[in-house]
Each structure stands twice: as structure tokens, then as C-alpha cells.
Amino acid sequence: MKLPRRKFLPLAGAVAAAPALSRFASALDYPTRPITIIVPFPAGGPVDTLARLLAEPMRIALGQPLVVENVGGAGGSIAVARVARAEPDGYTMILGNWTSLVGTPAVYPVSFDVKHDFAPVALLASSPLMLVGRKSLPANDVKELIAWLKANPGKATSGTIGIGSPSQVGAIYFQKLTGTQIQLVPYRGAAPALTDLLAGQIDLRMGAEASQMLPYLKSDSVKAFAMLAKTRWAPAPDIPTIEEAGVPELALSFWQAFWVPKSTPDAVVAKLNAAAVAALADAALRRRLDDLGQEISAARTADAAGARRLSPVRNRQVVADHQGGGHQAGMSRL
């Protein structure tokens, strides 16, 4: 005798629900093995430094090691795509930033959608950006720099960290606002760009992270022209804002945050968030980040809507216009 079809519905429902139940059960005893933090840039840069500073205190909170893995290239999009495809179990997360999650997707044909493929874990810190130059530049302030650039159109070089990065977008806006032309030299990460700036191989870093530049400001190894912010920076209060220096509308915000694949269980996200919050509450770590010029966010979780408010469409258009205009240098130090 043939059984009615409805007899099999509970079994089919149980099979369909099995993956969700498995993820729920795994979330209860999470974590049981090491967690990988993907850094979308080479070792030695400010994003990598932040990840390694957080790894140990978060290990204490979670009871498992956090392993930092550097996956550079394509403005961070290679790393972001890898995490988007990762199992949503909390064992792979990315320390993303403005470049990898906002600027790069605005100008690259990427295979992921930040709004739909990721869940925010914790907003960690932000770093003011600045305009700096090699020590031997003849200009001593922004006004003199603009005059020097206009006297030498297309000859000065500025290091950028990926298409759509604050360093590239900032350099493009600077040229539009000041009527200057600069060759943009792309790098895989901030560390190699800094090496060439210190060696005098490039002239400028437009949108350099202040946290990375602080030791070199103290040793007088570079020239600081302006903060790309609306307010002066406490560790270096003598450096004017870019608006004070005569170039309004060039303030840029640069944040860093943990993200995981979208379907990661809420309980796992909550545990990772709590570990990050606990790590950032540590007085010694806060002093260390303060020394590096990193400003710790008061928010407990990353604001996904905030990423959407950073005008990626405008970034895409201004970069496209710039590249179409023939100002992009055919140079690359990867």
C-alpha cells in the first residue's frame, strides 16, 4: 500500500533543518580550534599591526589562538573574496578597512557584495590620515607644495595603496581641487610605500595613516604638510588640517573593523564581539594603540550602514574620470 505523501514531510523538514541545527550546536561550544584573522594587506602595515596587537588579548578571552594571515593584492579584494566564500562558522574573519570594504568594491569588478555577504563583528579603531612628503622636498607647507607641483606638472609621484584606497581617492581629489597633476604609484601595502618614501623614491603619500607615520614624524624623517581631517591630531597638534592649509573638502575618515561571512550564527558573532570589546578595554593595549595614533571607537559593533554612507559611487566616478583623463602613471611597485 502506498503511503500518503504527507507522511514524509516531517522527515524532509528535518533534513532541511539539519545544517541550521548543526551550526546552532557548534555555536554553543565555540570556539574549539584556532581562529584565522585575514589581513588584506602585507605584513608590517598598520592593519597588520592592529591585528597582531588584538590577537593575544582575544586569545585569552576566547580560549583559542588567533592566527594572523596576510593576503595582499588587488586593493584587498582577494582577501575579502576569500572570506566571503569561507564557511560561516566564526573560524575565519577579516580585519577590513575603508579600502578593502568600501573603496575597492566601488571601483573594482569584485565577486562579493559587502552589504549582503558579510556581517559586522566589531568596529575597532580609526586612524587620521595625513599628507606627507619626502624629507628633501623643497616645499615646507601646502601652499608651497601646490606651487611646486604646478611648476612641475606630472613630475611628482605619490604612493597609493590600491585602487579606491583613501591614498588614491585623496590624491585624485587633491589634484582636482588644486589644479595639479601627480603621478600615482600603486603599492600592495603601506609598508613598502613607506620604505620608498623614506628612501626618496617617491615624493608624497596622500592619505598616509597617521598611526604609521608617527614614529617618522618624531624622528623628523618626513615632512608633514596637513591632516586630512576636520580637526587637528592630538599627538601632533602643530600639523594643520587640510582646510586650514587652504584645501577644503578633502577630509577623509579611515576605520578598521572585524567582519565575518553573513550566515555566521549570532551567538558566534556575539562571542567575537565580546572578545574584541574586552581586548580594547585593556589599559596596556589602549596605551599602545594611542602611541600608534589609533583612535579606539566607543561603538560596540561595526556599523554596516556606515560603510554604505561613504559614497562609493562618487569614488568610482572620480577614479574613472581621472584614469580616463590620462593622468594615471604607468608605474607600479608591487
C-alpha atoms as a PDB file:
ATOM      1  CA  MET A   1       0.000   0.000   0.000  1.00  0.00           C
ATOM      2  CA  LYS A   2       1.314   3.417  -0.977  1.00  0.00           C
ATOM      3  CA  LEU A   3       1.739   5.766   1.953  1.00  0.00           C
ATOM      4  CA  PRO A   4       0.375   9.295   1.705  1.00  0.00           C
ATOM      5  CA  ARG A   5       2.953  11.881   0.684  1.00  0.00           C
ATOM      6  CA  ARG A   6       2.329  13.873   3.869  1.00  0.00           C
ATOM      7  CA  LYS A   7       3.945  11.128   5.944  1.00  0.00           C
ATOM      8  CA  PHE A   8       7.351  12.158   4.531  1.00  0.00           C
ATOM      9  CA  LEU A   9       7.052  15.900   5.162  1.00  0.00           C
ATOM     10  CA  PRO A  10       8.419  15.821   8.749  1.00  0.00           C
ATOM     11  CA  LEU A  11      11.489  13.877   7.574  1.00  0.00           C
ATOM     12  CA  ALA A  12      12.104  16.299   4.693  1.00  0.00           C
ATOM     13  CA  GLY A  13      11.783  19.220   7.086  1.00  0.00           C
ATOM     14  CA  ALA A  14      14.246  17.622   9.489  1.00  0.00           C
ATOM     15  CA  VAL A  15      16.787  17.116   6.700  1.00  0.00           C
ATOM     16  CA  ALA A  16      16.419  20.739   5.620  1.00  0.00           C
ATOM     17  CA  ALA A  17      16.827  21.954   9.189  1.00  0.00           C
ATOM     18  CA  ALA A  18      19.892  19.813   9.905  1.00  0.00           C
ATOM     19  CA  PRO A  19      22.529  22.354   8.767  1.00  0.00           C
ATOM     20  CA  ALA A  20      20.958  25.103  10.874  1.00  0.00           C
ATOM     21  CA  LEU A  21      20.773  22.828  13.909  1.00  0.00           C
ATOM     22  CA  SER A  22      24.391  21.804  13.382  1.00  0.00           C
ATOM     23  CA  ARG A  23      25.519  25.445  13.244  1.00  0.00           C
ATOM     24  CA  PHE A  24      23.500  26.196  16.384  1.00  0.00           C
ATOM     25  CA  ALA A  25      25.088  23.296  18.257  1.00  0.00           C
ATOM     26  CA  SER A  26      28.560  24.343  17.112  1.00  0.00           C
ATOM     27  CA  ALA A  27      27.911  27.902  18.243  1.00  0.00           C
ATOM     28  CA  LEU A  28      27.190  26.746  21.782  1.00  0.00           C
ATOM     29  CA  ASP A  29      30.700  25.371  22.340  1.00  0.00           C
ATOM     30  CA  TYR A  30      32.504  27.818  20.025  1.00  0.00           C
ATOM     31  CA  PRO A  31      35.456  28.102  19.685  1.00  0.00           C
ATOM     32  CA  THR A  32      37.092  24.673  19.779  1.00  0.00           C
ATOM     33  CA  ARG A  33      40.035  25.365  17.451  1.00  0.00           C
ATOM     34  CA  PRO A  34      42.198  28.284  16.277  1.00  0.00           C
ATOM     35  CA  ILE A  35      40.581  31.283  14.565  1.00  0.00           C
ATOM     36  CA  THR A  36      42.132  32.882  11.485  1.00  0.00           C
ATOM     37  CA  ILE A  37      42.228  36.665  11.089  1.00  0.00           C
ATOM     38  CA  ILE A  38      42.716  37.541   7.430  1.00  0.00           C
ATOM     39  CA  VAL A  39      44.572  40.832   6.914  1.00  0.00           C
ATOM     40  CA  PRO A  40      44.075  42.074   3.331  1.00  0.00           C
ATOM     41  CA  PHE A  41      47.497  43.738   3.154  1.00  0.00           C
ATOM     42  CA  PRO A  42      51.155  42.709   3.589  1.00  0.00           C
ATOM     43  CA  ALA A  43      52.783  42.312   6.988  1.00  0.00           C
ATOM     44  CA  GLY A  44      54.232  45.392   8.631  1.00  0.00           C
ATOM     45  CA  GLY A  45      51.486  47.877   7.810  1.00  0.00           C
ATOM     46  CA  PRO A  46      49.078  49.473  10.298  1.00  0.00           C
ATOM     47  CA  VAL A  47      46.228  46.997   9.637  1.00  0.00           C
ATOM     48  CA  ASP A  48      48.581  44.073  10.239  1.00  0.00           C
ATOM     49  CA  THR A  49      49.905  45.734  13.411  1.00  0.00           C
ATOM     50  CA  LEU A  50      46.393  46.174  14.808  1.00  0.00           C
ATOM     51  CA  ALA A  51      45.508  42.536  14.090  1.00  0.00           C
ATOM     52  CA  ARG A  52      48.596  41.242  15.886  1.00  0.00           C
ATOM     53  CA  LEU A  53      48.044  43.511  18.891  1.00  0.00           C
ATOM     54  CA  LEU A  54      44.485  42.201  19.257  1.00  0.00           C
ATOM     55  CA  ALA A  55      45.298  38.528  18.705  1.00  0.00           C
ATOM     56  CA  GLU A  56      46.760  37.838  22.168  1.00  0.00           C
ATOM     57  CA  PRO A  57      44.123  39.501  24.387  1.00  0.00           C
ATOM     58  CA  MET A  58      41.379  37.958  22.259  1.00  0.00           C
ATOM     59  CA  ARG A  59      43.038  34.560  22.677  1.00  0.00           C
ATOM     60  CA  ILE A  60      42.731  34.970  26.428  1.00  0.00           C
ATOM     61  CA  ALA A  61      39.056  35.874  26.124  1.00  0.00           C
ATOM     62  CA  LEU A  62      38.171  33.079  23.686  1.00  0.00           C
ATOM     63  CA  GLY A  63      40.476  30.327  24.914  1.00  0.00           C
ATOM     64  CA  GLN A  64      41.840  29.614  21.421  1.00  0.00           C
ATOM     65  CA  PRO A  65      44.731  31.066  19.390  1.00  0.00           C
ATOM     66  CA  LEU A  66      44.049  33.726  16.755  1.00  0.00           C
ATOM     67  CA  VAL A  67      46.315  33.279  13.752  1.00  0.00           C
ATOM     68  CA  VAL A  68      47.013  36.328  11.560  1.00  0.00           C
ATOM     69  CA  GLU A  69      47.306  35.569   7.842  1.00  0.00           C
ATOM     70  CA  ASN A  70      48.289  38.247   5.330  1.00  0.00           C
ATOM     71  CA  VAL A  71      46.566  38.017   1.936  1.00  0.00           C
ATOM     72  CA  GLY A  72      47.523  41.086  -0.098  1.00  0.00           C
ATOM     73  CA  GLY A  73      46.715  42.194  -3.617  1.00  0.00           C
ATOM     74  CA  ALA A  74      44.031  43.968  -5.666  1.00  0.00           C
ATOM     75  CA  GLY A  75      43.303  46.591  -3.034  1.00  0.00           C
ATOM     76  CA  GLY A  76      42.338  43.940  -0.512  1.00  0.00           C
ATOM     77  CA  SER A  77      39.686  42.372  -2.750  1.00  0.00           C
ATOM     78  CA  ILE A  78      41.458  38.992  -2.953  1.00  0.00           C
ATOM     79  CA  ALA A  79      41.312  38.603   0.814  1.00  0.00           C
ATOM     80  CA  VAL A  80      37.745  39.883   1.091  1.00  0.00           C
ATOM     81  CA  ALA A  81      36.532  37.463  -1.605  1.00  0.00           C
ATOM     82  CA  ARG A  82      38.204  34.588   0.220  1.00  0.00           C
ATOM     83  CA  VAL A  83      36.433  35.392   3.475  1.00  0.00           C
ATOM     84  CA  ALA A  84      33.125  35.846   1.653  1.00  0.00           C
ATOM     85  CA  ARG A  85      33.436  32.234   0.461  1.00  0.00           C
ATOM     86  CA  ALA A  86      34.599  30.888   3.835  1.00  0.00           C
ATOM     87  CA  GLU A  87      32.455  28.634   5.995  1.00  0.00           C
ATOM     88  CA  PRO A  88      30.255  30.873   8.173  1.00  0.00           C
ATOM     89  CA  ASP A  89      31.350  29.249  11.418  1.00  0.00           C
ATOM     90  CA  GLY A  90      33.380  32.018  13.070  1.00  0.00           C
ATOM     91  CA  TYR A  91      36.759  30.443  12.375  1.00  0.00           C
ATOM     92  CA  THR A  92      37.628  32.862   9.557  1.00  0.00           C
ATOM     93  CA  MET A  93      37.171  36.614   9.826  1.00  0.00           C
ATOM     94  CA  ILE A  94      38.689  39.630   8.157  1.00  0.00           C
ATOM     95  CA  LEU A  95      40.121  42.787   9.623  1.00  0.00           C
ATOM     96  CA  GLY A  96      38.701  45.000   6.917  1.00  0.00           C
ATOM     97  CA  ASN A  97      39.019  48.724   6.474  1.00  0.00           C
ATOM     98  CA  TRP A  98      37.834  51.605   4.316  1.00  0.00           C
ATOM     99  CA  THR A  99      39.987  50.487   1.406  1.00  0.00           C
ATOM    100  CA  SER A 100      39.075  46.801   1.303  1.00  0.00           C
ATOM    101  CA  LEU A 101      35.359  47.115   2.090  1.00  0.00           C
ATOM    102  CA  VAL A 102      34.351  50.491   0.611  1.00  0.00           C
ATOM    103  CA  GLY A 103      36.866  51.986  -1.807  1.00  0.00           C
ATOM    104  CA  THR A 104      37.944  48.837  -3.631  1.00  0.00           C
ATOM    105  CA  PRO A 105      34.411  47.473  -4.243  1.00  0.00           C
ATOM    106  CA  ALA A 106      33.473  50.904  -5.589  1.00  0.00           C
ATOM    107  CA  VAL A 107      35.994  50.732  -8.414  1.00  0.00           C
ATOM    108  CA  TYR A 108      36.847  47.032  -8.909  1.00  0.00           C
ATOM    109  CA  PRO A 109      34.582  44.404 -10.511  1.00  0.00           C
ATOM    110  CA  VAL A 110      34.567  42.267  -7.356  1.00  0.00           C
ATOM    111  CA  SER A 111      32.818  38.933  -6.769  1.00  0.00           C
ATOM    112  CA  PHE A 112      31.309  39.901  -3.407  1.00  0.00           C
ATOM    113  CA  ASP A 113      28.785  42.354  -2.008  1.00  0.00           C
ATOM    114  CA  VAL A 114      29.778  43.792   1.351  1.00  0.00           C
ATOM    115  CA  LYS A 115      26.176  44.549   2.319  1.00  0.00           C
ATOM    116  CA  HIS A 116      24.917  41.019   1.601  1.00  0.00           C
ATOM    117  CA  ASP A 117      27.929  38.732   2.075  1.00  0.00           C
ATOM    118  CA  PHE A 118      29.269  39.960   5.424  1.00  0.00           C
ATOM    119  CA  ALA A 119      28.160  40.556   8.996  1.00  0.00           C
ATOM    120  CA  PRO A 120      29.915  43.204  11.140  1.00  0.00           C
ATOM    121  CA  VAL A 121      31.573  41.958  14.327  1.00  0.00           C
ATOM    122  CA  ALA A 122      33.256  44.956  15.939  1.00  0.00           C
ATOM    123  CA  LEU A 123      34.334  48.446  14.998  1.00  0.00           C
ATOM    124  CA  LEU A 124      37.894  48.560  16.318  1.00  0.00           C
ATOM    125  CA  ALA A 125      39.675  51.820  15.651  1.00  0.00           C
ATOM    126  CA  SER A 126      40.099  54.651  13.223  1.00  0.00           C
ATOM    127  CA  SER A 127      43.228  56.397  12.113  1.00  0.00           C
ATOM    128  CA  PRO A 128      43.542  60.007  10.966  1.00  0.00           C
ATOM    129  CA  LEU A 129      45.075  60.409   7.540  1.00  0.00           C
ATOM    130  CA  MET A 130      47.710  62.909   6.527  1.00  0.00           C
ATOM    131  CA  LEU A 131      49.559  64.378   3.574  1.00  0.00           C
ATOM    132  CA  VAL A 132      53.292  63.756   3.941  1.00  0.00           C
ATOM    133  CA  GLY A 133      56.298  64.103   1.685  1.00  0.00           C
ATOM    134  CA  ARG A 134      59.912  63.029   1.438  1.00  0.00           C
ATOM    135  CA  LYS A 135      62.264  64.958   3.694  1.00  0.00           C
ATOM    136  CA  SER A 136      64.121  66.590   0.784  1.00  0.00           C
ATOM    137  CA  LEU A 137      61.082  68.174  -0.869  1.00  0.00           C
ATOM    138  CA  PRO A 138      61.655  71.914  -1.403  1.00  0.00           C
ATOM    139  CA  ALA A 139      58.142  72.830  -0.199  1.00  0.00           C
ATOM    140  CA  ASN A 140      57.528  73.353   3.518  1.00  0.00           C
ATOM    141  CA  ASP A 141      53.755  73.819   3.647  1.00  0.00           C
ATOM    142  CA  VAL A 142      50.708  73.036   1.488  1.00  0.00           C
ATOM    143  CA  LYS A 143      50.753  76.404  -0.264  1.00  0.00           C
ATOM    144  CA  GLU A 144      54.392  75.930  -1.273  1.00  0.00           C
ATOM    145  CA  LEU A 145      53.676  72.306  -2.229  1.00  0.00           C
ATOM    146  CA  ILE A 146      50.888  73.340  -4.607  1.00  0.00           C
ATOM    147  CA  ALA A 147      53.133  75.961  -6.180  1.00  0.00           C
ATOM    148  CA  TRP A 148      55.922  73.403  -6.634  1.00  0.00           C
ATOM    149  CA  LEU A 149      53.510  70.871  -8.171  1.00  0.00           C
ATOM    150  CA  LYS A 150      52.161  73.471 -10.615  1.00  0.00           C
ATOM    151  CA  ALA A 151      55.697  74.403 -11.590  1.00  0.00           C
ATOM    152  CA  ASN A 152      56.458  70.715 -12.240  1.00  0.00           C
ATOM    153  CA  PRO A 153      53.230  69.275 -13.717  1.00  0.00           C
ATOM    154  CA  GLY A 154      53.088  65.493 -13.864  1.00  0.00           C
ATOM    155  CA  LYS A 155      56.589  65.027 -12.454  1.00  0.00           C
ATOM    156  CA  ALA A 156      55.840  64.457  -8.750  1.00  0.00           C
ATOM    157  CA  THR A 157      54.940  60.949  -7.571  1.00  0.00           C
ATOM    158  CA  SER A 158      52.531  59.866  -4.835  1.00  0.00           C
ATOM    159  CA  GLY A 159      52.313  56.327  -3.470  1.00  0.00           C
ATOM    160  CA  THR A 160      48.856  54.736  -3.348  1.00  0.00           C
ATOM    161  CA  ILE A 161      47.657  51.557  -1.648  1.00  0.00           C
ATOM    162  CA  GLY A 162      45.248  50.045  -4.140  1.00  0.00           C
ATOM    163  CA  ILE A 163      42.575  51.378  -6.441  1.00  0.00           C
ATOM    164  CA  GLY A 164      39.820  53.057  -4.438  1.00  0.00           C
ATOM    165  CA  SER A 165      42.008  53.469  -1.353  1.00  0.00           C
ATOM    166  CA  PRO A 166      41.988  56.753   0.604  1.00  0.00           C
ATOM    167  CA  SER A 167      45.509  57.367  -0.695  1.00  0.00           C
ATOM    168  CA  GLN A 168      44.341  57.121  -4.300  1.00  0.00           C
ATOM    169  CA  VAL A 169      40.978  58.829  -3.884  1.00  0.00           C
ATOM    170  CA  GLY A 170      42.603  61.539  -1.749  1.00  0.00           C
ATOM    171  CA  ALA A 171      45.304  62.155  -4.349  1.00  0.00           C
ATOM    172  CA  ILE A 172      42.732  62.412  -7.118  1.00  0.00           C
ATOM    173  CA  TYR A 173      40.574  64.859  -5.168  1.00  0.00           C
ATOM    174  CA  PHE A 174      43.663  66.890  -4.251  1.00  0.00           C
ATOM    175  CA  GLN A 175      44.555  67.278  -7.915  1.00  0.00           C
ATOM    176  CA  LYS A 176      41.019  68.292  -8.851  1.00  0.00           C
ATOM    177  CA  LEU A 177      40.789  70.816  -6.031  1.00  0.00           C
ATOM    178  CA  THR A 178      44.219  72.366  -6.613  1.00  0.00           C
ATOM    179  CA  GLY A 179      44.616  72.086 -10.395  1.00  0.00           C
ATOM    180  CA  THR A 180      47.779  69.992 -10.102  1.00  0.00           C
ATOM    181  CA  GLN A 181      48.972  66.770 -11.762  1.00  0.00           C
ATOM    182  CA  ILE A 182      50.689  63.950  -9.873  1.00  0.00           C
ATOM    183  CA  GLN A 183      51.843  60.509 -10.977  1.00  0.00           C
ATOM    184  CA  LEU A 184      50.181  57.828  -8.815  1.00  0.00           C
ATOM    185  CA  VAL A 185      52.398  54.871  -7.969  1.00  0.00           C
ATOM    186  CA  PRO A 186      50.453  51.783  -6.742  1.00  0.00           C
ATOM    187  CA  TYR A 187      51.763  49.537  -3.970  1.00  0.00           C
ATOM    188  CA  ARG A 188      50.478  46.310  -2.416  1.00  0.00           C
ATOM    189  CA  GLY A 189      50.621  47.749   1.081  1.00  0.00           C
ATOM    190  CA  ALA A 190      51.532  50.693   3.271  1.00  0.00           C
ATOM    191  CA  ALA A 191      54.857  49.258   4.431  1.00  0.00           C
ATOM    192  CA  PRO A 192      56.592  49.130   1.011  1.00  0.00           C
ATOM    193  CA  ALA A 193      55.201  52.570   0.133  1.00  0.00           C
ATOM    194  CA  LEU A 194      56.666  53.966   3.342  1.00  0.00           C
ATOM    195  CA  THR A 195      60.028  52.370   2.567  1.00  0.00           C
ATOM    196  CA  ASP A 196      60.190  54.153  -0.782  1.00  0.00           C
ATOM    197  CA  LEU A 197      59.041  57.462   0.724  1.00  0.00           C
ATOM    198  CA  LEU A 198      61.797  57.342   3.344  1.00  0.00           C
ATOM    199  CA  ALA A 199      64.328  56.472   0.633  1.00  0.00           C
ATOM    200  CA  GLY A 200      63.168  59.382  -1.519  1.00  0.00           C
ATOM    201  CA  GLN A 201      61.963  57.088  -4.319  1.00  0.00           C
ATOM    202  CA  ILE A 202      58.538  58.771  -4.279  1.00  0.00           C
ATOM    203  CA  ASP A 203      57.654  62.340  -3.359  1.00  0.00           C
ATOM    204  CA  LEU A 204      54.352  62.110  -1.479  1.00  0.00           C
ATOM    205  CA  ARG A 205      51.894  59.951   0.413  1.00  0.00           C
ATOM    206  CA  MET A 206      48.415  61.426   0.121  1.00  0.00           C
ATOM    207  CA  GLY A 207      46.239  59.753   2.745  1.00  0.00           C
ATOM    208  CA  ALA A 208      49.003  58.095   4.737  1.00  0.00           C
ATOM    209  CA  GLU A 209      47.792  56.692   8.052  1.00  0.00           C
ATOM    210  CA  ALA A 210      48.911  58.977  10.849  1.00  0.00           C
ATOM    211  CA  SER A 211      49.423  55.952  13.099  1.00  0.00           C
ATOM    212  CA  GLN A 212      52.033  54.612  10.696  1.00  0.00           C
ATOM    213  CA  MET A 213      53.745  57.968  10.262  1.00  0.00           C
ATOM    214  CA  LEU A 214      54.002  58.930  13.937  1.00  0.00           C
ATOM    215  CA  PRO A 215      57.495  57.473  14.615  1.00  0.00           C
ATOM    216  CA  TYR A 216      58.843  59.174  11.487  1.00  0.00           C
ATOM    217  CA  LEU A 217      57.285  62.481  12.456  1.00  0.00           C
ATOM    218  CA  LYS A 218      59.035  62.243  15.815  1.00  0.00           C
ATOM    219  CA  SER A 219      62.374  61.451  14.164  1.00  0.00           C
ATOM    220  CA  ASP A 220      61.879  64.216  11.565  1.00  0.00           C
ATOM    221  CA  SER A 221      62.303  61.695   8.738  1.00  0.00           C
ATOM    222  CA  VAL A 222      59.426  63.020   6.618  1.00  0.00           C
ATOM    223  CA  LYS A 223      57.658  66.320   6.011  1.00  0.00           C
ATOM    224  CA  ALA A 224      54.107  66.559   7.329  1.00  0.00           C
ATOM    225  CA  PHE A 225      52.004  69.035   5.332  1.00  0.00           C
ATOM    226  CA  ALA A 226      48.466  68.572   6.673  1.00  0.00           C
ATOM    227  CA  MET A 227      45.953  66.286   8.389  1.00  0.00           C
ATOM    228  CA  LEU A 228      43.218  65.091   6.029  1.00  0.00           C
ATOM    229  CA  ALA A 229      40.698  65.636   8.808  1.00  0.00           C
ATOM    230  CA  LYS A 230      38.362  68.288  10.158  1.00  0.00           C
ATOM    231  CA  THR A 231      40.277  68.613  13.432  1.00  0.00           C
ATOM    232  CA  ARG A 232      43.933  68.616  14.402  1.00  0.00           C
ATOM    233  CA  TRP A 233      45.535  65.441  15.710  1.00  0.00           C
ATOM    234  CA  ALA A 234      46.412  65.347  19.422  1.00  0.00           C
ATOM    235  CA  PRO A 235      49.782  63.517  19.043  1.00  0.00           C
ATOM    236  CA  ALA A 236      50.955  66.160  16.548  1.00  0.00           C
ATOM    237  CA  PRO A 237      48.919  69.322  17.256  1.00  0.00           C
ATOM    238  CA  ASP A 238      51.185  71.617  15.215  1.00  0.00           C
ATOM    239  CA  ILE A 239      50.157  69.993  11.919  1.00  0.00           C
ATOM    240  CA  PRO A 240      47.276  71.993  10.375  1.00  0.00           C
ATOM    241  CA  THR A 241      44.142  70.431   8.955  1.00  0.00           C
ATOM    242  CA  ILE A 242      43.912  70.337   5.173  1.00  0.00           C
ATOM    243  CA  GLU A 243      41.194  73.009   5.310  1.00  0.00           C
ATOM    244  CA  GLU A 244      43.373  75.257   7.471  1.00  0.00           C
ATOM    245  CA  ALA A 245      46.104  74.723   4.902  1.00  0.00           C
ATOM    246  CA  GLY A 246      43.833  76.065   2.164  1.00  0.00           C
ATOM    247  CA  VAL A 247      42.258  72.943   0.575  1.00  0.00           C
ATOM    248  CA  PRO A 248      38.684  72.415   1.838  1.00  0.00           C
ATOM    249  CA  GLU A 249      36.511  69.320   1.152  1.00  0.00           C
ATOM    250  CA  LEU A 250      39.367  66.836   1.495  1.00  0.00           C
ATOM    251  CA  ALA A 251      38.713  65.353   4.942  1.00  0.00           C
ATOM    252  CA  LEU A 252      38.762  61.526   4.836  1.00  0.00           C
ATOM    253  CA  SER A 253      37.770  59.004   7.524  1.00  0.00           C
ATOM    254  CA  PHE A 254      39.623  55.680   7.783  1.00  0.00           C
ATOM    255  CA  TRP A 255      38.163  52.957  10.031  1.00  0.00           C
ATOM    256  CA  GLN A 256      39.076  49.330  10.716  1.00  0.00           C
ATOM    257  CA  ALA A 257      36.678  46.570  11.779  1.00  0.00           C
ATOM    258  CA  PHE A 258      36.197  42.820  12.101  1.00  0.00           C
ATOM    259  CA  TRP A 259      33.741  41.163   9.697  1.00  0.00           C
ATOM    260  CA  VAL A 260      32.636  37.538   9.175  1.00  0.00           C
ATOM    261  CA  PRO A 261      30.646  35.739   6.448  1.00  0.00           C
ATOM    262  CA  LYS A 262      26.984  36.717   6.508  1.00  0.00           C
ATOM    263  CA  SER A 263      25.407  33.498   7.845  1.00  0.00           C
ATOM    264  CA  THR A 264      27.705  33.181  10.847  1.00  0.00           C
ATOM    265  CA  PRO A 265      25.485  32.349  13.881  1.00  0.00           C
ATOM    266  CA  ASP A 266      24.550  35.338  16.030  1.00  0.00           C
ATOM    267  CA  ALA A 267      25.929  33.586  19.118  1.00  0.00           C
ATOM    268  CA  VAL A 268      29.346  33.272  17.464  1.00  0.00           C
ATOM    269  CA  VAL A 269      29.321  36.911  16.354  1.00  0.00           C
ATOM    270  CA  ALA A 270      28.418  37.915  19.914  1.00  0.00           C
ATOM    271  CA  LYS A 271      31.363  35.939  21.346  1.00  0.00           C
ATOM    272  CA  LEU A 272      33.794  37.501  18.876  1.00  0.00           C
ATOM    273  CA  ASN A 273      32.394  40.948  19.596  1.00  0.00           C
ATOM    274  CA  ALA A 274      32.716  40.443  23.354  1.00  0.00           C
ATOM    275  CA  ALA A 275      36.330  39.306  22.937  1.00  0.00           C
ATOM    276  CA  ALA A 276      37.180  42.356  20.819  1.00  0.00           C
ATOM    277  CA  VAL A 277      35.478  44.710  23.280  1.00  0.00           C
ATOM    278  CA  ALA A 278      37.363  43.091  26.183  1.00  0.00           C
ATOM    279  CA  ALA A 279      40.661  43.409  24.328  1.00  0.00           C
ATOM    280  CA  LEU A 280      40.089  47.089  23.593  1.00  0.00           C
ATOM    281  CA  ALA A 281      39.235  47.697  27.257  1.00  0.00           C
ATOM    282  CA  ASP A 282      42.718  46.604  28.332  1.00  0.00           C
ATOM    283  CA  ALA A 283      44.642  49.649  29.563  1.00  0.00           C
ATOM    284  CA  ALA A 284      48.003  48.473  28.217  1.00  0.00           C
ATOM    285  CA  LEU A 285      46.567  47.816  24.760  1.00  0.00           C
ATOM    286  CA  ARG A 286      44.817  51.183  24.729  1.00  0.00           C
ATOM    287  CA  ARG A 287      48.088  52.918  25.565  1.00  0.00           C
ATOM    288  CA  ARG A 288      49.829  51.000  22.801  1.00  0.00           C
ATOM    289  CA  LEU A 289      47.161  51.956  20.251  1.00  0.00           C
ATOM    290  CA  ASP A 290      47.245  55.533  21.463  1.00  0.00           C
ATOM    291  CA  ASP A 291      51.013  55.597  20.946  1.00  0.00           C
ATOM    292  CA  LEU A 292      50.398  54.375  17.392  1.00  0.00           C
ATOM    293  CA  GLY A 293      47.845  57.108  16.778  1.00  0.00           C
ATOM    294  CA  GLN A 294      44.892  54.720  16.586  1.00  0.00           C
ATOM    295  CA  GLU A 295      41.649  56.149  17.947  1.00  0.00           C
ATOM    296  CA  ILE A 296      39.504  53.477  19.612  1.00  0.00           C
ATOM    297  CA  SER A 297      35.844  53.598  18.747  1.00  0.00           C
ATOM    298  CA  ALA A 298      33.273  53.907  21.504  1.00  0.00           C
ATOM    299  CA  ALA A 299      30.861  51.759  19.498  1.00  0.00           C
ATOM    300  CA  ARG A 300      30.468  48.102  20.453  1.00  0.00           C
ATOM    301  CA  THR A 301      29.702  46.832  16.959  1.00  0.00           C
ATOM    302  CA  ALA A 302      30.643  47.853  13.444  1.00  0.00           C
ATOM    303  CA  ASP A 303      28.060  49.996  11.708  1.00  0.00           C
ATOM    304  CA  ALA A 304      27.278  48.274   8.410  1.00  0.00           C
ATOM    305  CA  ALA A 305      25.191  51.240   7.287  1.00  0.00           C
ATOM    306  CA  GLY A 306      28.207  53.476   7.872  1.00  0.00           C
ATOM    307  CA  ALA A 307      30.091  51.722   5.088  1.00  0.00           C
ATOM    308  CA  ARG A 308      27.252  52.466   2.698  1.00  0.00           C
ATOM    309  CA  ARG A 309      27.348  56.149   3.617  1.00  0.00           C
ATOM    310  CA  LEU A 310      30.943  56.611   2.429  1.00  0.00           C
ATOM    311  CA  SER A 311      29.879  57.445  -1.137  1.00  0.00           C
ATOM    312  CA  PRO A 312      31.354  54.528  -3.130  1.00  0.00           C
ATOM    313  CA  VAL A 313      29.545  55.695  -6.285  1.00  0.00           C
ATOM    314  CA  ARG A 314      31.256  59.074  -6.094  1.00  0.00           C
ATOM    315  CA  ASN A 315      34.600  57.356  -5.576  1.00  0.00           C
ATOM    316  CA  ARG A 316      34.023  55.145  -8.609  1.00  0.00           C
ATOM    317  CA  GLN A 317      33.206  58.112 -10.839  1.00  0.00           C
ATOM    318  CA  VAL A 318      36.102  60.302  -9.739  1.00  0.00           C
ATOM    319  CA  VAL A 319      38.615  57.465 -10.214  1.00  0.00           C
ATOM    320  CA  ALA A 320      37.161  56.604 -13.620  1.00  0.00           C
ATOM    321  CA  ASP A 321      37.311  60.252 -14.696  1.00  0.00           C
ATOM    322  CA  HIS A 322      40.896  60.531 -13.507  1.00  0.00           C
ATOM    323  CA  GLN A 323      42.077  57.392 -15.283  1.00  0.00           C
ATOM    324  CA  GLY A 324      40.238  58.383 -18.469  1.00  0.00           C
ATOM    325  CA  GLY A 325      41.972  61.755 -18.381  1.00  0.00           C
ATOM    326  CA  GLY A 326      45.369  60.147 -18.787  1.00  0.00           C
ATOM    327  CA  HIS A 327      46.871  61.348 -15.507  1.00  0.00           C
ATOM    328  CA  GLN A 328      47.497  57.862 -14.100  1.00  0.00           C
ATOM    329  CA  ALA A 329      51.170  56.988 -14.318  1.00  0.00           C
ATOM    330  CA  GLY A 330      52.176  53.758 -15.984  1.00  0.00           C
ATOM    331  CA  MET A 331      54.229  52.838 -12.925  1.00  0.00           C
ATOM    332  CA  SER A 332      53.916  50.032 -10.425  1.00  0.00           C
ATOM    333  CA  ARG A 333      55.984  48.867  -7.470  1.00  0.00           C
ATOM    334  CA  LEU A 334      54.229  45.670  -6.375  1.00  0.00           C
END
